[in-house]
C-alpha atoms as a PDB file:
ATOM      1  CA  MET A   1      34.410 -37.026  32.428  1.00  0.00           C
ATOM      2  CA  THR A   2      35.857 -34.372  34.605  1.00  0.00           C
ATOM      3  CA  SER A   3      33.538 -31.636  36.162  1.00  0.00           C
ATOM      4  CA  ASP A   4      35.116 -28.606  34.297  1.00  0.00           C
ATOM      5  CA  GLN A   5      33.981 -30.090  31.057  1.00  0.00           C
ATOM      6  CA  PRO A   6      30.116 -29.451  29.874  1.00  0.00           C
ATOM      7  CA  ALA A   7      28.033 -32.635  29.062  1.00  0.00           C
ATOM      8  CA  VAL A   8      26.330 -31.008  26.316  1.00  0.00           C
ATOM      9  CA  PRO A   9      28.738 -29.050  23.423  1.00  0.00           C
ATOM     10  CA  THR A  10      27.785 -25.507  23.482  1.00  0.00           C
ATOM     11  CA  GLU A  11      28.150 -23.415  20.089  1.00  0.00           C
ATOM     12  CA  THR A  12      30.987 -21.198  19.313  1.00  0.00           C
ATOM     13  CA  SER A  13      30.361 -17.201  19.521  1.00  0.00           C
ATOM     14  CA  GLY A  14      30.753 -17.293  15.737  1.00  0.00           C
ATOM     15  CA  ASP A  15      27.990 -19.812  15.240  1.00  0.00           C
ATOM     16  CA  MET A  16      25.868 -17.633  17.704  1.00  0.00           C
ATOM     17  CA  ILE A  17      26.343 -14.624  15.567  1.00  0.00           C
ATOM     18  CA  HIS A  18      25.743 -16.272  12.223  1.00  0.00           C
ATOM     19  CA  HIS A  19      22.335 -17.520  13.601  1.00  0.00           C
ATOM     20  CA  GLU A  20      21.492 -14.242  14.900  1.00  0.00           C
ATOM     21  CA  LYS A  21      22.215 -12.440  11.776  1.00  0.00           C
ATOM     22  CA  ARG A  22      20.174 -15.269   9.983  1.00  0.00           C
ATOM     23  CA  ALA A  23      17.111 -14.319  12.461  1.00  0.00           C
ATOM     24  CA  ARG A  24      17.388 -10.778  12.050  1.00  0.00           C
ATOM     25  CA  ARG A  25      17.013 -11.081   8.307  1.00  0.00           C
ATOM     26  CA  TRP A  26      14.043 -13.278   8.475  1.00  0.00           C
ATOM     27  CA  ASN A  27      12.589 -10.937  10.962  1.00  0.00           C
ATOM     28  CA  ILE A  28      12.957  -7.779   8.270  1.00  0.00           C
ATOM     29  CA  LEU A  29      11.730 -10.106   5.373  1.00  0.00           C
ATOM     30  CA  VAL A  30       8.640 -11.324   7.408  1.00  0.00           C
ATOM     31  CA  THR A  31       7.942  -7.561   8.228  1.00  0.00           C
ATOM     32  CA  VAL A  32       8.274  -6.180   4.721  1.00  0.00           C
ATOM     33  CA  LEU A  33       5.858  -9.011   3.346  1.00  0.00           C
ATOM     34  CA  LEU A  34       3.504  -8.228   6.014  1.00  0.00           C
ATOM     35  CA  THR A  35       3.408  -4.590   5.478  1.00  0.00           C
ATOM     36  CA  ALA A  36       3.267  -5.212   1.768  1.00  0.00           C
ATOM     37  CA  VAL A  37       0.088  -7.569   2.234  1.00  0.00           C
ATOM     38  CA  LEU A  38      -1.509  -4.441   4.057  1.00  0.00           C
ATOM     39  CA  PHE A  39      -1.221  -2.448   0.562  1.00  0.00           C
ATOM     40  CA  VAL A  40      -2.610  -4.926  -1.680  1.00  0.00           C
ATOM     41  CA  PRO A  41      -6.267  -4.041  -2.790  1.00  0.00           C
ATOM     42  CA  MET A  42      -8.755  -6.359  -1.592  1.00  0.00           C
ATOM     43  CA  PRO A  43     -12.448  -6.695  -2.585  1.00  0.00           C
ATOM     44  CA  PHE A  44     -15.005  -5.117   0.009  1.00  0.00           C
ATOM     45  CA  VAL A  45     -18.646  -5.302  -0.027  1.00  0.00           C
ATOM     46  CA  ARG A  46     -20.935  -2.528   1.419  1.00  0.00           C
ATOM     47  CA  PHE A  47     -25.022  -2.994   2.194  1.00  0.00           C
ATOM     48  CA  ASP A  48     -26.897   0.205   2.713  1.00  0.00           C
ATOM     49  CA  THR A  49     -30.228   1.443   2.021  1.00  0.00           C
ATOM     50  CA  TRP A  50     -31.247   3.217  -0.832  1.00  0.00           C
ATOM     51  CA  PRO A  51     -32.420   6.180  -1.047  1.00  0.00           C
ATOM     52  CA  GLY A  52     -31.678   6.643   2.550  1.00  0.00           C
ATOM     53  CA  ASN A  53     -28.012   5.866   2.391  1.00  0.00           C
ATOM     54  CA  GLU A  54     -28.027   4.141   5.831  1.00  0.00           C
ATOM     55  CA  MET A  55     -24.849   1.674   6.000  1.00  0.00           C
ATOM     56  CA  LEU A  56     -25.981  -1.862   7.212  1.00  0.00           C
ATOM     57  CA  ALA A  57     -22.944  -3.884   7.056  1.00  0.00           C
ATOM     58  CA  GLU A  58     -19.176  -3.866   5.401  1.00  0.00           C
ATOM     59  CA  HIS A  59     -17.003  -7.017   4.989  1.00  0.00           C
ATOM     60  CA  ILE A  60     -14.090  -8.007   3.179  1.00  0.00           C
ATOM     61  CA  VAL A  61     -14.918 -10.543   0.342  1.00  0.00           C
ATOM     62  CA  THR A  62     -13.314 -13.958  -0.204  1.00  0.00           C
ATOM     63  CA  PRO A  63     -14.181 -16.242  -3.167  1.00  0.00           C
ATOM     64  CA  TRP A  64     -16.108 -18.286  -0.538  1.00  0.00           C
ATOM     65  CA  SER A  65     -18.057 -15.606   1.178  1.00  0.00           C
ATOM     66  CA  ARG A  66     -21.782 -15.542   1.208  1.00  0.00           C
ATOM     67  CA  PHE A  67     -24.834 -13.675   2.521  1.00  0.00           C
ATOM     68  CA  ARG A  68     -28.402 -14.623   2.722  1.00  0.00           C
ATOM     69  CA  LEU A  69     -31.468 -12.553   2.541  1.00  0.00           C
ATOM     70  CA  CYS A  70     -34.619 -13.945   4.515  1.00  0.00           C
ATOM     71  CA  TYR A  71     -38.164 -13.085   4.397  1.00  0.00           C
ATOM     72  CA  GLU A  72     -41.872 -14.362   3.971  1.00  0.00           C
ATOM     73  CA  SER A  73     -43.197 -14.264   0.582  1.00  0.00           C
ATOM     74  CA  LEU A  74     -45.777 -11.707   0.037  1.00  0.00           C
ATOM     75  CA  PRO A  75     -48.870 -13.705  -1.145  1.00  0.00           C
ATOM     76  CA  CYS A  76     -48.269 -17.359   0.600  1.00  0.00           C
ATOM     77  CA  ARG A  77     -46.254 -16.634   3.666  1.00  0.00           C
ATOM     78  CA  ASP A  78     -43.718 -18.839   2.800  1.00  0.00           C
ATOM     79  CA  PRO A  79     -40.262 -18.473   4.285  1.00  0.00           C
ATOM     80  CA  VAL A  80     -37.491 -17.624   1.258  1.00  0.00           C
ATOM     81  CA  VAL A  81     -33.725 -17.578   1.815  1.00  0.00           C
ATOM     82  CA  ASP A  82     -31.948 -16.144  -1.235  1.00  0.00           C
ATOM     83  CA  VAL A  83     -28.434 -16.950  -1.174  1.00  0.00           C
ATOM     84  CA  TYR A  84     -25.751 -14.889  -2.951  1.00  0.00           C
ATOM     85  CA  ARG A  85     -22.421 -15.443  -3.527  1.00  0.00           C
ATOM     86  CA  PHE A  86     -19.137 -13.664  -4.880  1.00  0.00           C
ATOM     87  CA  SER A  87     -16.796 -14.650  -7.636  1.00  0.00           C
ATOM     88  CA  TRP A  88     -13.146 -14.844  -7.464  1.00  0.00           C
ATOM     89  CA  LYS A  89     -13.053 -11.286  -8.861  1.00  0.00           C
ATOM     90  CA  GLY A  90     -15.290 -10.201  -5.909  1.00  0.00           C
ATOM     91  CA  ARG A  91     -18.334  -9.657  -7.943  1.00  0.00           C
ATOM     92  CA  LEU A  92     -21.683 -10.440  -6.482  1.00  0.00           C
ATOM     93  CA  LYS A  93     -23.491 -13.581  -7.978  1.00  0.00           C
ATOM     94  CA  ASN A  94     -26.751 -14.904  -6.949  1.00  0.00           C
ATOM     95  CA  GLY A  95     -28.112 -18.379  -8.104  1.00  0.00           C
ATOM     96  CA  ASP A  96     -29.166 -17.449 -11.739  1.00  0.00           C
ATOM     97  CA  GLY A  97     -25.791 -16.058 -12.386  1.00  0.00           C
ATOM     98  CA  THR A  98     -27.045 -12.398 -12.770  1.00  0.00           C
ATOM     99  CA  ASN A  99     -24.963  -9.522 -10.985  1.00  0.00           C
ATOM    100  CA  PRO A 100     -27.970  -7.830  -8.798  1.00  0.00           C
ATOM    101  CA  GLN A 101     -27.050  -4.346  -7.384  1.00  0.00           C
ATOM    102  CA  PHE A 102     -30.243  -3.570  -5.922  1.00  0.00           C
ATOM    103  CA  LEU A 103     -32.134  -6.180  -3.954  1.00  0.00           C
ATOM    104  CA  HIS A 104     -35.696  -5.620  -2.678  1.00  0.00           C
ATOM    105  CA  PRO A 105     -37.532  -8.647  -1.420  1.00  0.00           C
ATOM    106  CA  GLY A 106     -41.546  -8.681  -1.844  1.00  0.00           C
ATOM    107  CA  SER A 107     -41.909  -9.565   1.487  1.00  0.00           C
ATOM    108  CA  LEU A 108     -44.752  -9.705   4.168  1.00  0.00           C
ATOM    109  CA  GLY A 109     -42.476  -8.158   7.217  1.00  0.00           C
ATOM    110  CA  PRO A 110     -38.886  -6.984   7.490  1.00  0.00           C
ATOM    111  CA  ALA A 111     -36.191  -8.949   5.717  1.00  0.00           C
ATOM    112  CA  SER A 112     -33.333 -10.066   7.587  1.00  0.00           C
ATOM    113  CA  LEU A 113     -29.725  -9.799   6.147  1.00  0.00           C
ATOM    114  CA  LYS A 114     -27.253 -12.721   7.443  1.00  0.00           C
ATOM    115  CA  TRP A 115     -23.370 -12.528   6.402  1.00  0.00           C
ATOM    116  CA  GLN A 116     -21.957 -15.978   6.566  1.00  0.00           C
ATOM    117  CA  ASN A 117     -22.815 -17.631   9.905  1.00  0.00           C
ATOM    118  CA  GLY A 118     -22.999 -14.130  11.673  1.00  0.00           C
ATOM    119  CA  PRO A 119     -25.808 -12.764  13.323  1.00  0.00           C
ATOM    120  CA  GLU A 120     -28.757 -11.534  11.582  1.00  0.00           C
ATOM    121  CA  ILE A 121     -29.436  -7.706  11.164  1.00  0.00           C
ATOM    122  CA  THR A 122     -33.235  -7.096  10.774  1.00  0.00           C
ATOM    123  CA  LEU A 123     -33.945  -4.351   8.111  1.00  0.00           C
ATOM    124  CA  ARG A 124     -37.032  -2.769   9.764  1.00  0.00           C
ATOM    125  CA  GLU A 125     -36.301   0.727   8.903  1.00  0.00           C
ATOM    126  CA  ALA A 126     -35.672  -0.080   5.548  1.00  0.00           C
ATOM    127  CA  TYR A 127     -39.025  -2.043   5.267  1.00  0.00           C
ATOM    128  CA  VAL A 128     -40.922   0.716   6.880  1.00  0.00           C
ATOM    129  CA  HIS A 129     -39.607   3.319   4.490  1.00  0.00           C
ATOM    130  CA  GLY A 130     -39.881   0.935   1.606  1.00  0.00           C
ATOM    131  CA  GLU A 131     -36.241   1.469   0.795  1.00  0.00           C
ATOM    132  CA  LEU A 132     -34.184  -0.879  -1.345  1.00  0.00           C
ATOM    133  CA  ILE A 133     -31.039  -2.674  -0.262  1.00  0.00           C
ATOM    134  CA  ARG A 134     -28.098  -1.234  -2.263  1.00  0.00           C
ATOM    135  CA  VAL A 135     -24.976  -4.018  -2.785  1.00  0.00           C
ATOM    136  CA  GLU A 136     -21.786  -2.106  -3.615  1.00  0.00           C
ATOM    137  CA  THR A 137     -18.431  -3.938  -4.327  1.00  0.00           C
ATOM    138  CA  TYR A 138     -15.207  -2.304  -4.526  1.00  0.00           C
ATOM    139  CA  TRP A 139     -11.405  -2.300  -4.074  1.00  0.00           C
ATOM    140  CA  GLN A 140      -9.121  -0.732  -1.638  1.00  0.00           C
ATOM    141  CA  PRO A 141      -6.117  -1.597   0.398  1.00  0.00           C
ATOM    142  CA  MET A 142      -6.687  -3.289   3.674  1.00  0.00           C
ATOM    143  CA  ILE A 143      -4.901  -0.905   5.588  1.00  0.00           C
ATOM    144  CA  LEU A 144      -7.336   1.762   4.691  1.00  0.00           C
ATOM    145  CA  TRP A 145     -10.495  -0.062   6.100  1.00  0.00           C
ATOM    146  CA  PRO A 146     -10.089   0.313   9.908  1.00  0.00           C
ATOM    147  CA  PHE A 147      -9.370   4.244   9.225  1.00  0.00           C
ATOM    148  CA  LYS A 148     -12.541   4.440   7.071  1.00  0.00           C
ATOM    149  CA  MET A 149     -14.380   2.502  10.007  1.00  0.00           C
ATOM    150  CA  ILE A 150     -13.094   4.933  12.521  1.00  0.00           C
ATOM    151  CA  TRP A 151     -14.007   8.011  10.122  1.00  0.00           C
ATOM    152  CA  ARG A 152     -17.767   6.663   9.882  1.00  0.00           C
ATOM    153  CA  ILE A 153     -18.189   6.060  13.465  1.00  0.00           C
ATOM    154  CA  ARG A 154     -16.812   9.534  14.406  1.00  0.00           C
ATOM    155  CA  GLU A 155     -19.335  11.022  11.898  1.00  0.00           C
ATOM    156  CA  HIS A 156     -22.130   9.133  13.476  1.00  0.00           C
ATOM    157  CA  PHE A 157     -21.573  10.217  16.720  1.00  0.00           C
ATOM    158  CA  LYS A 158     -20.970  13.858  16.089  1.00  0.00           C
ATOM    159  CA  VAL A 159     -21.754  16.049  19.108  1.00  0.00           C
ATOM    160  CA  PRO A 160     -23.773  19.422  17.721  1.00  0.00           C
ATOM    161  CA  VAL A 161     -21.739  22.646  18.816  1.00  0.00           C
ATOM    162  CA  ARG A 162     -24.038  25.461  20.215  1.00  0.00           C
ATOM    163  CA  ALA A 163     -23.028  28.808  18.659  1.00  0.00           C
END
C-alpha cells in the first residue's frame, strides 16, 4: 500500500449528494408530521370551583390519566380516597361508571386534589366558601394550550390603571 491511497474508501460526491437529499426530505417529512400533530385535537380537563369559577388545574387527558380526591369523611373521620379515571374518549369515569360533572366531598375539613403522582392541591378556599369542584373535559388542538395558559396568567396579574 502506498502513502497516497487512503486506507478507508471514501464515498463519491454523487453518493454524498444523494444522501444529503434523502436527509433533507426526511427532515421536511418529520417537520410536517410534528406540525400536524400540534393541530390534532386532544382532550383536556379543567378543574375549577363552582360558583366561584376559580381555576384549580388544567391538564392534557390520556386514557391512563387519573386523579384523586382525598378527604376525611364527615361522621367517622375515616380517610377517603376517591379515584377518578378517564375513558379513551376523554370522558371522566369514576368507580361506579357514572360521569360526574360536579364533585362535592362530604368532608370534615378541606379536601385535596391530586393529579396522577403530582403534588396535592389543598382546596381550602372551596371548603370555606362551600363551593363544588367542577370537572370539565373538552377538546382543543395542543398548539392552543400554551397560549391559553399565557392569556389566563396575564388576566390574573392585571395591573390596575389609575385614571
